[in-house]
């Protein structure tokens, strides 16, 4: 996987003007590249044309009526030294999130059992670290082994990895490692200054080289422009290969964080972002992630129509709320969607 930052102005299909995008039949080949200008042209399409194209691509690669259910828990909450402007776990911000000890193996196993009983097929474990120390990796590998033994797919998001740590996680049975790019390269420093974009790409390279599936997406609604949203999608689609799992998060504004009070993103712009992710990364699982509790059922339905085929399932994400499981079950039933 290349660790070079993609040119945010590159045209991904040589010689094809952006205006021609609306005339494409919707068939996507794996050889297509995507630049920010071209993704922006997708986002600029009339809404019905964009949705039609996204749905066509989705049906080429996925069961359109199946949704993969993942549960996310925080195994280590609060006290993070980073300055991510959206995150209530940063120690420097005054939020209601306190620095807590790492969960025990028994607590994690109990949470995984509950998630499986509710229908989840993937169990994700997150920790508020810049990166794990070796003793923490040792604890995480035990958790991964235990969850894997329960028949669940395993995922972890632990921050930046040191040499050899990805291999240890793979040997313990880790299926996916999540490390989001968060936003476009050109907007990144507006949100985070304690690590740079290349740091994130370097960790993704370690994960891919170790043979672990990549889970990588971003956050929209942080005050970025449509061009920056296009730049995020283009960057993700330019990874070689692109991520197997792509979580698209809608900013959850938490009082005490720098991004609290940011102007709200138009819900239809969020749907457009989901559609662009589906078109540019056709084989990926596109996950409707943080921010669902603030979305109406109608907006979520449009996201599924646009190609989202995975959700975080359970009443809490790392520190922010999520729709109740019964509400999710009722919505999926109303839409005729079933667990993948």
Protein backbone atom coordinates (compact mmCIF):
# COMPACT_ATOMS: atom_id res chain seq x y z
CA UNK A 1 0.00 0.00 0.00
CA UNK A 2 1.45 3.35 -0.99
CA UNK A 3 2.23 5.67 1.90
CA UNK A 4 2.20 8.79 -0.27
CA UNK A 5 -0.52 11.37 0.20
CA UNK A 6 -2.68 11.48 -2.91
CA UNK A 7 -2.76 14.68 -4.94
CA UNK A 8 -6.06 16.25 -3.84
CA UNK A 9 -6.48 17.85 -7.27
CA UNK A 10 -5.64 14.81 -9.37
CA UNK A 11 -8.13 13.65 -12.01
CA UNK A 12 -8.55 9.93 -11.42
CA UNK A 13 -9.78 8.96 -14.92
CA UNK A 14 -7.36 10.28 -17.47
CA UNK A 15 -8.93 12.27 -20.25
CA UNK A 16 -12.49 12.05 -18.96
CA UNK A 17 -14.04 15.41 -18.03
CA UNK A 18 -15.89 15.64 -14.77
CA UNK A 19 -19.06 16.60 -16.64
CA UNK A 20 -19.12 13.12 -18.18
CA UNK A 21 -19.56 11.43 -14.83
CA UNK A 22 -23.33 11.75 -14.89
CA UNK A 23 -23.41 9.82 -18.17
CA UNK A 24 -21.59 6.77 -16.86
CA UNK A 25 -23.71 3.66 -16.63
CA UNK A 26 -22.67 2.93 -13.05
CA UNK A 27 -20.33 0.01 -13.74
CA UNK A 28 -17.12 0.32 -11.71
CA UNK A 29 -13.91 -1.48 -12.56
CA UNK A 30 -11.22 -2.07 -9.98
CA UNK A 31 -8.67 -0.23 -12.11
CA UNK A 32 -10.31 3.19 -11.79
CA UNK A 33 -8.49 5.82 -9.77
CA UNK A 34 -10.22 8.69 -8.05
CA UNK A 35 -8.96 12.21 -7.50
CA UNK A 36 -10.62 14.86 -5.36
CA UNK A 37 -11.91 16.77 -8.37
CA UNK A 38 -13.61 13.70 -9.73
CA UNK A 39 -15.15 12.75 -6.39
CA UNK A 40 -16.36 16.33 -6.04
CA UNK A 41 -18.01 15.96 -9.45
CA UNK A 42 -19.82 12.92 -8.06
CA UNK A 43 -20.99 14.93 -5.05
CA UNK A 44 -22.20 17.68 -7.40
CA UNK A 45 -24.49 15.33 -9.36
CA UNK A 46 -28.26 15.76 -9.05
CA UNK A 47 -29.27 13.79 -5.98
CA UNK A 48 -31.38 11.24 -7.87
CA UNK A 49 -28.57 10.58 -10.37
CA UNK A 50 -26.04 10.08 -7.59
CA UNK A 51 -28.32 7.72 -5.69
CA UNK A 52 -29.11 5.74 -8.85
CA UNK A 53 -25.45 5.29 -9.63
CA UNK A 54 -24.56 4.35 -6.04
CA UNK A 55 -27.37 1.79 -5.88
CA UNK A 56 -26.28 0.23 -9.17
CA UNK A 57 -22.72 -0.16 -7.89
CA UNK A 58 -23.94 -1.49 -4.56
CA UNK A 59 -25.99 -4.22 -6.22
CA UNK A 60 -23.04 -5.33 -8.35
CA UNK A 61 -21.00 -6.24 -5.26
CA UNK A 62 -23.35 -6.71 -2.30
CA UNK A 63 -26.69 -8.09 -1.18
CA UNK A 64 -28.76 -4.87 -1.16
CA UNK A 65 -30.94 -6.10 1.69
CA UNK A 66 -28.24 -7.22 4.14
CA UNK A 67 -26.57 -5.08 6.82
CA UNK A 68 -23.55 -6.17 8.85
CA UNK A 69 -23.88 -5.44 12.59
CA UNK A 70 -20.84 -4.41 14.63
CA UNK A 71 -20.58 -3.51 18.30
CA UNK A 72 -17.95 -1.09 19.57
CA UNK A 73 -16.76 -0.76 23.16
CA UNK A 74 -14.09 1.32 24.83
CA UNK A 75 -11.57 -0.90 26.62
CA UNK A 76 -9.63 2.17 27.79
CA UNK A 77 -11.50 5.46 28.14
CA UNK A 78 -10.20 9.01 28.56
CA UNK A 79 -6.83 10.58 29.26
CA UNK A 80 -5.65 10.67 25.64
CA UNK A 81 -2.71 13.06 25.02
CA UNK A 82 -3.81 13.92 21.47
CA UNK A 83 -5.67 17.11 20.51
CA UNK A 84 -8.26 15.78 18.03
CA UNK A 85 -10.80 18.60 17.99
CA UNK A 86 -13.81 16.29 17.90
CA UNK A 87 -12.83 13.94 20.71
CA UNK A 88 -14.12 14.17 24.31
CA UNK A 89 -11.45 11.69 25.42
CA UNK A 90 -8.61 14.18 24.96
CA UNK A 91 -7.16 14.97 28.39
CA UNK A 92 -6.71 18.67 27.51
CA UNK A 93 -10.44 19.28 26.99
CA UNK A 94 -12.94 19.82 29.79
CA UNK A 95 -15.65 17.24 29.08
CA UNK A 96 -17.60 14.77 31.17
CA UNK A 97 -15.30 11.91 30.11
CA UNK A 98 -12.93 10.83 32.87
CA UNK A 99 -9.64 8.96 32.62
CA UNK A 100 -10.43 5.33 33.43
CA UNK A 101 -8.48 2.13 33.89
CA UNK A 102 -8.38 -0.47 31.16
CA UNK A 103 -11.23 -2.98 31.27
CA UNK A 104 -10.46 -6.48 32.48
CA UNK A 105 -10.52 -9.50 30.20
CA UNK A 106 -13.65 -10.70 31.99
CA UNK A 107 -15.47 -7.41 31.36
CA UNK A 108 -14.61 -7.49 27.66
CA UNK A 109 -15.72 -11.11 27.28
CA UNK A 110 -19.03 -10.33 28.98
CA UNK A 111 -19.60 -7.36 26.65
CA UNK A 112 -18.77 -9.49 23.60
CA UNK A 113 -21.19 -12.19 24.72
CA UNK A 114 -23.94 -9.61 25.12
CA UNK A 115 -23.20 -8.16 21.67
CA UNK A 116 -23.35 -11.59 20.05
CA UNK A 117 -26.65 -12.33 21.80
CA UNK A 118 -28.06 -9.12 20.29
CA UNK A 119 -27.03 -10.20 16.79
CA UNK A 120 -23.66 -8.52 16.26
CA UNK A 121 -21.17 -10.41 14.09
CA UNK A 122 -18.15 -8.13 14.64
CA UNK A 123 -16.82 -6.88 17.97
CA UNK A 124 -14.63 -3.77 17.95
CA UNK A 125 -12.40 -2.70 20.84
CA UNK A 126 -11.13 0.87 21.12
CA UNK A 127 -8.61 2.53 23.42
CA UNK A 128 -7.83 6.22 24.04
CA UNK A 129 -4.09 6.03 23.44
CA UNK A 130 -1.68 7.83 21.13
CA UNK A 131 -0.38 4.31 20.67
CA UNK A 132 -0.22 1.20 22.85
CA UNK A 133 2.73 0.29 25.05
CA UNK A 134 3.99 -3.27 24.85
CA UNK A 135 2.29 -4.32 28.09
CA UNK A 136 -0.98 -2.99 26.70
CA UNK A 137 -0.54 -4.93 23.48
CA UNK A 138 -0.15 -8.05 25.65
CA UNK A 139 -3.51 -7.40 27.29
CA UNK A 140 -5.14 -6.64 23.94
CA UNK A 141 -3.95 -9.88 22.37
CA UNK A 142 -5.60 -11.82 25.20
CA UNK A 143 -8.85 -9.96 24.61
CA UNK A 144 -8.69 -10.59 20.87
CA UNK A 145 -8.08 -14.31 21.40
CA UNK A 146 -11.04 -14.57 23.77
CA UNK A 147 -13.45 -12.68 21.51
CA UNK A 148 -12.29 -14.60 18.44
CA UNK A 149 -12.94 -17.88 20.27
CA UNK A 150 -16.58 -16.81 20.63
CA UNK A 151 -17.03 -16.88 16.85
CA UNK A 152 -17.04 -13.10 16.38
CA UNK A 153 -14.98 -11.10 13.91
CA UNK A 154 -12.52 -8.97 15.83
CA UNK A 155 -11.50 -5.36 15.31
CA UNK A 156 -9.32 -3.01 17.34
CA UNK A 157 -8.56 0.70 17.23
CA UNK A 158 -5.59 1.50 19.43
CA UNK A 159 -3.86 4.44 17.79
CA UNK A 160 -0.46 4.43 16.12
CA UNK A 161 1.39 1.10 16.10
CA UNK A 162 5.09 0.49 16.66
CA UNK A 163 7.06 -2.03 14.57
CA UNK A 164 6.03 -5.59 15.39
CA UNK A 165 2.79 -4.73 17.18
CA UNK A 166 0.56 -5.33 14.15
CA UNK A 167 2.11 -8.78 13.77
CA UNK A 168 1.33 -9.58 17.41
CA UNK A 169 -2.27 -8.55 16.92
CA UNK A 170 -2.55 -10.64 13.76
CA UNK A 171 -1.15 -13.70 15.53
CA UNK A 172 -3.77 -13.31 18.25
CA UNK A 173 -6.51 -13.52 15.64
CA UNK A 174 -7.31 -9.87 14.91
CA UNK A 175 -9.35 -9.58 11.72
CA UNK A 176 -9.56 -5.78 11.30
CA UNK A 177 -7.62 -2.78 12.55
CA UNK A 178 -9.33 0.59 12.51
CA UNK A 179 -7.28 3.73 11.99
CA UNK A 180 -9.24 6.58 10.40
CA UNK A 181 -7.79 9.32 8.21
CA UNK A 182 -10.50 11.59 9.67
CA UNK A 183 -10.53 14.17 6.86
CA UNK A 184 -8.75 15.35 3.73
CA UNK A 185 -5.02 16.11 3.89
CA UNK A 186 -5.59 19.82 3.27
CA UNK A 187 -8.08 20.16 6.16
CA UNK A 188 -6.32 17.87 8.61
CA UNK A 189 -4.37 20.52 10.55
CA UNK A 190 -7.63 22.36 11.24
CA UNK A 191 -8.64 19.39 13.40
CA UNK A 192 -5.46 17.72 14.72
CA UNK A 193 -1.90 18.95 15.33
CA UNK A 194 -0.37 16.28 17.60
CA UNK A 195 0.11 13.80 14.78
CA UNK A 196 0.35 14.33 11.05
CA UNK A 197 -1.31 12.68 8.09
CA UNK A 198 1.73 10.60 7.26
CA UNK A 199 1.65 9.12 10.79
CA UNK A 200 -1.78 7.72 10.00
CA UNK A 201 -0.70 6.36 6.64
CA UNK A 202 2.35 4.74 8.23
CA UNK A 203 0.17 2.84 10.73
CA UNK A 204 -2.10 1.69 7.91
CA UNK A 205 0.98 0.41 6.09
CA UNK A 206 2.01 -1.62 9.15
CA UNK A 207 -1.49 -3.09 9.42
CA UNK A 208 -1.67 -4.04 5.76
CA UNK A 209 1.84 -5.49 5.76
CA UNK A 210 0.96 -7.67 8.75
CA UNK A 211 -1.96 -9.22 6.85
CA UNK A 212 -4.75 -7.58 8.86
CA UNK A 213 -7.81 -6.17 7.09
CA UNK A 214 -7.93 -2.38 7.10
CA UNK A 215 -10.87 -0.47 8.57
CA UNK A 216 -10.41 3.20 7.68
CA UNK A 217 -12.78 6.09 7.16
CA UNK A 218 -13.39 9.58 8.44
CA UNK A 219 -15.64 12.17 10.01
CA UNK A 220 -17.78 14.71 8.19
CA UNK A 221 -19.56 17.74 9.57
CA UNK A 222 -16.42 19.26 11.15
CA UNK A 223 -16.76 22.51 9.23
CA UNK A 224 -15.01 21.20 6.12
CA UNK A 225 -16.02 22.12 2.57
CA UNK A 226 -17.51 19.76 0.01
CA UNK A 227 -14.08 19.75 -1.65
CA UNK A 228 -12.56 18.50 1.60
CA UNK A 229 -15.16 15.74 1.86
CA UNK A 230 -14.27 14.80 -1.70
CA UNK A 231 -10.59 14.85 -0.72
CA UNK A 232 -11.24 12.42 2.14
CA UNK A 233 -13.07 9.96 -0.10
CA UNK A 234 -10.41 10.29 -2.81
CA UNK A 235 -7.64 9.64 -0.28
CA UNK A 236 -9.38 6.50 1.01
CA UNK A 237 -10.09 5.24 -2.50
CA UNK A 238 -6.45 5.87 -3.47
CA UNK A 239 -5.06 3.50 -0.82
CA UNK A 240 -3.74 0.38 -2.53
CA UNK A 241 -5.85 -1.57 -1.93
CA UNK A 242 -8.65 0.58 -0.58
CA UNK A 243 -9.94 -0.39 2.90
CA UNK A 244 -12.16 -3.45 3.29
CA UNK A 245 -14.23 -1.51 5.81
CA UNK A 246 -14.99 2.22 5.55
CA UNK A 247 -16.74 3.87 8.52
CA UNK A 248 -18.28 7.25 7.71
CA UNK A 249 -18.93 9.20 10.89
CA UNK A 250 -21.12 12.26 11.34
CA UNK A 251 -19.59 14.59 13.93
CA UNK A 252 -21.18 14.19 17.36
CA UNK A 253 -20.67 17.56 18.99
CA UNK A 254 -19.59 17.27 22.62
CA UNK A 255 -19.50 20.29 24.88
CA UNK A 256 -15.94 21.14 25.89
CA UNK A 257 -14.36 20.08 22.59
CA UNK A 258 -13.16 22.69 20.07
CA UNK A 259 -15.66 21.56 17.44
CA UNK A 260 -18.67 22.00 19.71
CA UNK A 261 -20.88 24.62 18.10
CA UNK A 262 -19.80 23.86 14.52
CA UNK A 263 -22.55 24.59 12.00
CA UNK A 264 -24.55 21.43 11.37
CA UNK A 265 -24.04 19.56 8.12
CA UNK A 266 -27.04 19.20 5.81
CA UNK A 267 -28.23 15.57 6.25
CA UNK A 268 -28.46 15.13 2.48
CA UNK A 269 -24.79 16.11 2.19
CA UNK A 270 -24.00 13.23 4.54
CA UNK A 271 -26.02 10.88 2.31
CA UNK A 272 -24.08 12.14 -0.70
CA UNK A 273 -20.82 11.30 1.09
CA UNK A 274 -22.03 7.74 1.72
CA UNK A 275 -22.92 7.40 -1.98
CA UNK A 276 -19.49 8.66 -3.06
CA UNK A 277 -17.80 6.16 -0.75
CA UNK A 278 -19.84 3.33 -2.24
CA UNK A 279 -19.11 4.30 -5.84
CA UNK A 280 -15.37 4.78 -5.34
CA UNK A 281 -14.84 1.72 -3.11
CA UNK A 282 -17.36 -0.76 -4.48
CA UNK A 283 -16.28 -3.89 -2.61
CA UNK A 284 -15.86 -2.22 0.80
CA UNK A 285 -18.27 -2.49 3.69
CA UNK A 286 -19.41 1.12 4.09
CA UNK A 287 -20.36 1.61 7.72
CA UNK A 288 -22.91 4.16 8.90
CA UNK A 289 -21.10 5.03 12.11
CA UNK A 290 -21.15 7.79 14.75
CA UNK A 291 -23.99 10.28 14.66
CA UNK A 292 -26.83 7.88 13.87
CA UNK A 293 -28.71 8.73 17.07
CA UNK A 294 -29.15 12.27 15.78
CA UNK A 295 -30.38 11.08 12.35
CA UNK A 296 -34.00 10.50 11.47
CA UNK A 297 -35.09 7.08 10.26
CA UNK A 298 -35.63 8.60 6.81
CA UNK A 299 -32.04 9.84 6.58
CA UNK A 300 -30.71 6.46 7.68
CA UNK A 301 -32.89 4.77 5.06
CA UNK A 302 -31.38 7.03 2.39
CA UNK A 303 -27.90 6.09 3.62
CA UNK A 304 -28.71 2.39 3.16
CA UNK A 305 -30.06 3.18 -0.30
CA UNK A 306 -26.83 5.04 -1.06
CA UNK A 307 -24.78 1.93 -0.26
CA UNK A 308 -24.19 1.79 3.49
CA UNK A 309 -24.27 -1.87 4.49
CA UNK A 310 -22.88 -1.90 8.01
CA UNK A 311 -23.76 -0.13 11.26
CA UNK A 312 -22.46 0.12 14.78
CA UNK A 313 -25.04 -1.68 16.85
CA UNK A 314 -25.57 -1.13 20.56
CA UNK A 315 -26.54 1.74 22.82
CA UNK A 316 -23.07 3.30 23.16
CA UNK A 317 -20.01 3.79 21.01
CA UNK A 318 -16.71 4.72 22.67
CA UNK A 319 -18.16 7.56 24.74
CA UNK A 320 -21.14 8.88 22.77
CA UNK A 321 -24.66 7.51 22.48
CA UNK A 322 -26.01 5.26 19.75
CA UNK A 323 -29.58 4.24 18.89
CA UNK A 324 -31.08 1.59 21.13
CA UNK A 325 -30.91 -1.92 19.73
CA UNK A 326 -34.69 -2.26 19.67
CA UNK A 327 -34.98 0.92 17.61
CA UNK A 328 -32.42 -0.45 15.17
CA UNK A 329 -34.20 -3.78 14.92
CA UNK A 330 -37.48 -2.01 14.25
CA UNK A 331 -35.94 0.21 11.56
CA UNK A 332 -34.22 -2.67 9.78
CA UNK A 333 -37.47 -4.64 9.87
CA UNK A 334 -39.43 -1.71 8.40
CA UNK A 335 -36.89 -1.45 5.59
CA UNK A 336 -36.82 -5.19 4.92
CA UNK A 337 -33.13 -5.36 5.83
CA UNK A 338 -31.59 -8.37 7.59
CA UNK A 339 -28.30 -8.96 9.41
CA UNK A 340 -25.52 -10.03 7.08
